Structure formats: structure tokens, C-alpha cells
Amino acid sequence: MSKEIEFHELANAFPMLDTKSMNELIESIATNGFQTNHPVMMLNGKILDGRNRYLAALEANVEPLFDDYLGEDPLEFVRIENIQRRDLTPGQRLAADLELNGMREKYPNGNRFTVTTGGNSRNSQKEKAQKTKTSKGSVSQFDFITKYAPEL
């Protein structure tokens, strides 16, 4: 069985599954095995994508499958894999997007999808809402909170 592996900081921009969803994933992996078409993606020895699948497989006593990320933009890979697939609240999507945007200097490749968090223009809010699959209203509320009450 695999040993515990550290999670990549990009993966940590997204929340882990809630208890109910994690238990369902554990049961699925225990019953059906690990999906060969969706391995845990690794970057520099850390889990870039697939933290929940990895932990569920360990809990189900099933060996997880791994593959190395070989793309040019790990930040966008993580963003797309998680915002497109995961059942996140609008606030979680926006918070993850904000955190990933804050890491762009560290991971500069493939800047094509990044929407800056600065400014409150209708166009940037519309783009951010489309990219994070939320509404302009949610983006506006999130921008207001992060500006005036970031401790929340």
C-alpha cells in the first residue's frame, strides 16, 4: 500500500470533499476499484490533482494509480480539473480562483485563462463568473467581502 504523500500547494487551493462525499468515494473505490482513466496526478513528488481519490483509495485498502503531470501549466490544469468537475459552492470557486491567481507569479506558464481579481468592472466580473461557473452577483459579493472584510 502507498505511503502518505504530500499535497501540492496548487491542489490545496481547493477544499477537500465533505465527509458524506468522501465516504461515498471510499465505498465506490472499495466496490469498483481505482479508475484507471483518472490517476492521481503528481508533480515534483507531490499530489497535484486527486487528493480525495488518493485518500479514499488508502481508506478502502486499494492501491491508487499515479501518473506524472507533464504539461506546461500546472496552475491551469488544477483550476480546470477542479472548477469544471467539482461540486463547489460559488464562494468556494471564487476563493480557490483568488488563491490560484495569487500563485500565478510562481507558476507563470500559460496565462491565457487567468482573470485578474482587481477592479470591479462589469466585464472582469462577467469573465470571472463565466470562468468559475458562478453569477456576476456572487463575484460582486465576493469582491466586496475580500476588499472590506478579508478576515471572513
C-alpha atoms as a PDB file:
ATOM      1  CA  MET A   1       0.000   0.000   0.000  1.00  0.00           C
ATOM      2  CA  SER A   2       1.185   3.536  -0.734  1.00  0.00           C
ATOM      3  CA  LYS A   3       2.655   5.731   1.965  1.00  0.00           C
ATOM      4  CA  GLU A   4       1.203   9.160   2.751  1.00  0.00           C
ATOM      5  CA  ILE A   5       2.210  11.625   0.052  1.00  0.00           C
ATOM      6  CA  GLU A   6       2.349  15.402   0.454  1.00  0.00           C
ATOM      7  CA  PHE A   7      -0.200  17.543  -1.386  1.00  0.00           C
ATOM      8  CA  HIS A   8       0.989  20.202  -3.820  1.00  0.00           C
ATOM      9  CA  GLU A   9       0.164  23.794  -2.846  1.00  0.00           C
ATOM     10  CA  LEU A  10      -1.881  24.232  -6.040  1.00  0.00           C
ATOM     11  CA  ALA A  11      -4.116  21.310  -5.072  1.00  0.00           C
ATOM     12  CA  ASN A  12      -4.610  22.852  -1.646  1.00  0.00           C
ATOM     13  CA  ALA A  13      -6.346  25.880  -3.191  1.00  0.00           C
ATOM     14  CA  PHE A  14      -9.477  23.713  -3.332  1.00  0.00           C
ATOM     15  CA  PRO A  15     -11.336  22.285  -0.339  1.00  0.00           C
ATOM     16  CA  MET A  16     -11.398  18.578   0.364  1.00  0.00           C
ATOM     17  CA  LEU A  17     -14.626  16.640  -0.085  1.00  0.00           C
ATOM     18  CA  ASP A  18     -17.146  16.784   2.740  1.00  0.00           C
ATOM     19  CA  THR A  19     -17.499  13.676   4.919  1.00  0.00           C
ATOM     20  CA  LYS A  20     -20.559  12.305   3.104  1.00  0.00           C
ATOM     21  CA  SER A  21     -18.972  12.676  -0.343  1.00  0.00           C
ATOM     22  CA  MET A  22     -15.685  11.196   0.877  1.00  0.00           C
ATOM     23  CA  ASN A  23     -17.479   8.176   2.345  1.00  0.00           C
ATOM     24  CA  GLU A  24     -19.293   7.672  -0.978  1.00  0.00           C
ATOM     25  CA  LEU A  25     -15.959   7.840  -2.824  1.00  0.00           C
ATOM     26  CA  ILE A  26     -14.384   5.344  -0.422  1.00  0.00           C
ATOM     27  CA  GLU A  27     -17.302   2.960  -0.936  1.00  0.00           C
ATOM     28  CA  SER A  28     -17.106   3.355  -4.717  1.00  0.00           C
ATOM     29  CA  ILE A  29     -13.381   2.629  -4.809  1.00  0.00           C
ATOM     30  CA  ALA A  30     -13.771  -0.321  -2.423  1.00  0.00           C
ATOM     31  CA  THR A  31     -16.510  -1.766  -4.644  1.00  0.00           C
ATOM     32  CA  ASN A  32     -15.241  -0.868  -8.126  1.00  0.00           C
ATOM     33  CA  GLY A  33     -11.506  -0.353  -7.690  1.00  0.00           C
ATOM     34  CA  PHE A  34      -9.496   2.684  -8.712  1.00  0.00           C
ATOM     35  CA  GLN A  35     -10.463   4.242 -12.066  1.00  0.00           C
ATOM     36  CA  THR A  36      -7.623   3.598 -14.484  1.00  0.00           C
ATOM     37  CA  ASN A  37      -8.633   6.563 -16.648  1.00  0.00           C
ATOM     38  CA  HIS A  38      -8.306   9.059 -13.785  1.00  0.00           C
ATOM     39  CA  PRO A  39      -4.995   8.524 -11.959  1.00  0.00           C
ATOM     40  CA  VAL A  40      -3.664  10.730  -9.187  1.00  0.00           C
ATOM     41  CA  MET A  41      -1.540  13.352 -10.930  1.00  0.00           C
ATOM     42  CA  MET A  42       1.900  14.019  -9.452  1.00  0.00           C
ATOM     43  CA  LEU A  43       4.237  16.991  -9.784  1.00  0.00           C
ATOM     44  CA  ASN A  44       7.674  17.009  -8.147  1.00  0.00           C
ATOM     45  CA  GLY A  45       6.743  14.128  -5.855  1.00  0.00           C
ATOM     46  CA  LYS A  46       3.559  15.803  -4.585  1.00  0.00           C
ATOM     47  CA  ILE A  47      -0.106  15.227  -5.439  1.00  0.00           C
ATOM     48  CA  LEU A  48      -1.163  17.897  -7.924  1.00  0.00           C
ATOM     49  CA  ASP A  49      -4.665  16.514  -8.546  1.00  0.00           C
ATOM     50  CA  GLY A  50      -6.528  13.631  -6.959  1.00  0.00           C
ATOM     51  CA  ARG A  51      -6.076  14.160  -3.198  1.00  0.00           C
ATOM     52  CA  ASN A  52      -9.554  12.854  -2.436  1.00  0.00           C
ATOM     53  CA  ARG A  53      -9.185   9.815  -4.719  1.00  0.00           C
ATOM     54  CA  TYR A  54      -5.806   9.062  -3.155  1.00  0.00           C
ATOM     55  CA  LEU A  55      -7.069   9.243   0.442  1.00  0.00           C
ATOM     56  CA  ALA A  56     -10.235   7.304  -0.413  1.00  0.00           C
ATOM     57  CA  ALA A  57      -8.166   4.545  -2.031  1.00  0.00           C
ATOM     58  CA  LEU A  58      -5.954   4.275   1.048  1.00  0.00           C
ATOM     59  CA  GLU A  59      -9.027   4.101   3.279  1.00  0.00           C
ATOM     60  CA  ALA A  60     -10.562   1.423   1.004  1.00  0.00           C
ATOM     61  CA  ASN A  61      -7.263  -0.509   1.060  1.00  0.00           C
ATOM     62  CA  VAL A  62      -6.980  -0.205  -2.733  1.00  0.00           C
ATOM     63  CA  GLU A  63      -3.703   0.756  -4.387  1.00  0.00           C
ATOM     64  CA  PRO A  64      -4.146   4.164  -6.093  1.00  0.00           C
ATOM     65  CA  LEU A  65      -2.855   4.731  -9.607  1.00  0.00           C
ATOM     66  CA  PHE A  66      -0.398   7.551 -10.278  1.00  0.00           C
ATOM     67  CA  ASP A  67       0.805   9.470 -13.306  1.00  0.00           C
ATOM     68  CA  ASP A  68       3.234  12.369 -13.679  1.00  0.00           C
ATOM     69  CA  TYR A  69       1.926  15.739 -14.837  1.00  0.00           C
ATOM     70  CA  LEU A  70       3.905  16.616 -17.964  1.00  0.00           C
ATOM     71  CA  GLY A  71       2.047  19.751 -19.112  1.00  0.00           C
ATOM     72  CA  GLU A  72       3.340  23.291 -19.163  1.00  0.00           C
ATOM     73  CA  ASP A  73       0.883  24.980 -16.795  1.00  0.00           C
ATOM     74  CA  PRO A  74       0.106  23.096 -13.594  1.00  0.00           C
ATOM     75  CA  LEU A  75      -1.901  26.018 -12.196  1.00  0.00           C
ATOM     76  CA  GLU A  76      -4.397  25.982 -15.068  1.00  0.00           C
ATOM     77  CA  PHE A  77      -4.507  22.199 -15.013  1.00  0.00           C
ATOM     78  CA  VAL A  78      -5.582  22.245 -11.359  1.00  0.00           C
ATOM     79  CA  ARG A  79      -8.029  25.107 -11.973  1.00  0.00           C
ATOM     80  CA  ILE A  80      -9.715  23.372 -14.920  1.00  0.00           C
ATOM     81  CA  GLU A  81      -9.795  19.910 -13.327  1.00  0.00           C
ATOM     82  CA  ASN A  82     -11.400  21.200 -10.162  1.00  0.00           C
ATOM     83  CA  ILE A  83     -13.623  24.109 -11.205  1.00  0.00           C
ATOM     84  CA  GLN A  84     -15.033  22.147 -14.125  1.00  0.00           C
ATOM     85  CA  ARG A  85     -15.601  18.845 -12.302  1.00  0.00           C
ATOM     86  CA  ARG A  86     -16.129  19.537  -8.647  1.00  0.00           C
ATOM     87  CA  ASP A  87     -19.418  20.367  -6.973  1.00  0.00           C
ATOM     88  CA  LEU A  88     -18.296  23.560  -5.247  1.00  0.00           C
ATOM     89  CA  THR A  89     -20.312  26.477  -3.931  1.00  0.00           C
ATOM     90  CA  PRO A  90     -19.882  29.799  -5.760  1.00  0.00           C
ATOM     91  CA  GLY A  91     -17.890  31.110  -2.790  1.00  0.00           C
ATOM     92  CA  GLN A  92     -15.564  28.097  -2.844  1.00  0.00           C
ATOM     93  CA  ARG A  93     -14.996  28.503  -6.593  1.00  0.00           C
ATOM     94  CA  LEU A  94     -14.180  32.176  -6.212  1.00  0.00           C
ATOM     95  CA  ALA A  95     -11.934  31.661  -3.174  1.00  0.00           C
ATOM     96  CA  ALA A  96      -9.976  28.938  -4.978  1.00  0.00           C
ATOM     97  CA  ASP A  97      -9.681  31.107  -8.073  1.00  0.00           C
ATOM     98  CA  LEU A  98      -8.400  34.021  -5.981  1.00  0.00           C
ATOM     99  CA  GLU A  99      -5.841  31.792  -4.265  1.00  0.00           C
ATOM    100  CA  LEU A 100      -4.638  30.352  -7.584  1.00  0.00           C
ATOM    101  CA  ASN A 101      -4.357  33.825  -9.105  1.00  0.00           C
ATOM    102  CA  GLY A 102      -2.168  34.764  -6.138  1.00  0.00           C
ATOM    103  CA  MET A 103       0.246  31.961  -7.129  1.00  0.00           C
ATOM    104  CA  ARG A 104       0.486  32.970 -10.807  1.00  0.00           C
ATOM    105  CA  GLU A 105       3.938  34.570 -10.404  1.00  0.00           C
ATOM    106  CA  LYS A 106       5.266  31.281  -9.058  1.00  0.00           C
ATOM    107  CA  TYR A 107       3.658  29.341 -11.946  1.00  0.00           C
ATOM    108  CA  PRO A 108       3.816  31.786 -14.890  1.00  0.00           C
ATOM    109  CA  ASN A 109       3.197  29.475 -17.868  1.00  0.00           C
ATOM    110  CA  GLY A 110       0.022  29.539 -19.939  1.00  0.00           C
ATOM    111  CA  ASN A 111      -1.549  32.699 -18.548  1.00  0.00           C
ATOM    112  CA  ARG A 112      -4.402  32.511 -21.056  1.00  0.00           C
ATOM    113  CA  PHE A 113      -7.277  31.726 -18.638  1.00  0.00           C
ATOM    114  CA  THR A 114      -6.333  33.934 -15.709  1.00  0.00           C
ATOM    115  CA  VAL A 115      -8.719  36.734 -14.869  1.00  0.00           C
ATOM    116  CA  THR A 116      -7.279  39.330 -12.552  1.00  0.00           C
ATOM    117  CA  THR A 117      -9.068  39.865  -9.280  1.00  0.00           C
ATOM    118  CA  GLY A 118      -8.504  43.601  -9.247  1.00  0.00           C
ATOM    119  CA  GLY A 119     -11.115  46.074 -10.373  1.00  0.00           C
ATOM    120  CA  ASN A 120     -14.851  45.772 -10.341  1.00  0.00           C
ATOM    121  CA  SER A 121     -15.622  46.406 -13.975  1.00  0.00           C
ATOM    122  CA  ARG A 122     -18.642  44.579 -15.309  1.00  0.00           C
ATOM    123  CA  ASN A 123     -16.508  42.876 -17.964  1.00  0.00           C
ATOM    124  CA  SER A 124     -13.970  41.452 -15.498  1.00  0.00           C
ATOM    125  CA  GLN A 125     -16.787  40.317 -13.180  1.00  0.00           C
ATOM    126  CA  LYS A 126     -18.576  38.702 -16.121  1.00  0.00           C
ATOM    127  CA  GLU A 127     -15.385  36.890 -17.203  1.00  0.00           C
ATOM    128  CA  LYS A 128     -14.655  35.748 -13.648  1.00  0.00           C
ATOM    129  CA  ALA A 129     -18.242  34.497 -13.251  1.00  0.00           C
ATOM    130  CA  GLN A 130     -18.042  32.532 -16.502  1.00  0.00           C
ATOM    131  CA  LYS A 131     -14.652  31.064 -15.644  1.00  0.00           C
ATOM    132  CA  THR A 132     -15.695  29.986 -12.143  1.00  0.00           C
ATOM    133  CA  LYS A 133     -19.236  28.963 -13.154  1.00  0.00           C
ATOM    134  CA  THR A 134     -20.827  31.457 -10.778  1.00  0.00           C
ATOM    135  CA  SER A 135     -23.004  34.554 -11.218  1.00  0.00           C
ATOM    136  CA  LYS A 136     -21.870  38.176 -11.535  1.00  0.00           C
ATOM    137  CA  GLY A 137     -23.742  38.816  -8.289  1.00  0.00           C
ATOM    138  CA  SER A 138     -21.673  36.176  -6.480  1.00  0.00           C
ATOM    139  CA  VAL A 139     -18.493  37.679  -7.912  1.00  0.00           C
ATOM    140  CA  SER A 140     -19.555  41.158  -6.822  1.00  0.00           C
ATOM    141  CA  GLN A 141     -20.328  39.949  -3.286  1.00  0.00           C
ATOM    142  CA  PHE A 142     -17.057  38.017  -3.107  1.00  0.00           C
ATOM    143  CA  ASP A 143     -15.061  41.056  -4.319  1.00  0.00           C
ATOM    144  CA  PHE A 144     -16.770  43.258  -1.719  1.00  0.00           C
ATOM    145  CA  ILE A 145     -16.070  40.813   1.118  1.00  0.00           C
ATOM    146  CA  THR A 146     -12.441  40.256   0.147  1.00  0.00           C
ATOM    147  CA  LYS A 147     -11.908  44.018  -0.053  1.00  0.00           C
ATOM    148  CA  TYR A 148     -13.727  45.153   3.087  1.00  0.00           C
ATOM    149  CA  ALA A 149     -13.784  42.067   5.339  1.00  0.00           C
ATOM    150  CA  PRO A 150     -10.950  39.738   4.228  1.00  0.00           C
ATOM    151  CA  GLU A 151     -10.866  38.039   7.630  1.00  0.00           C
ATOM    152  CA  LEU A 152     -14.206  36.381   6.778  1.00  0.00           C
END
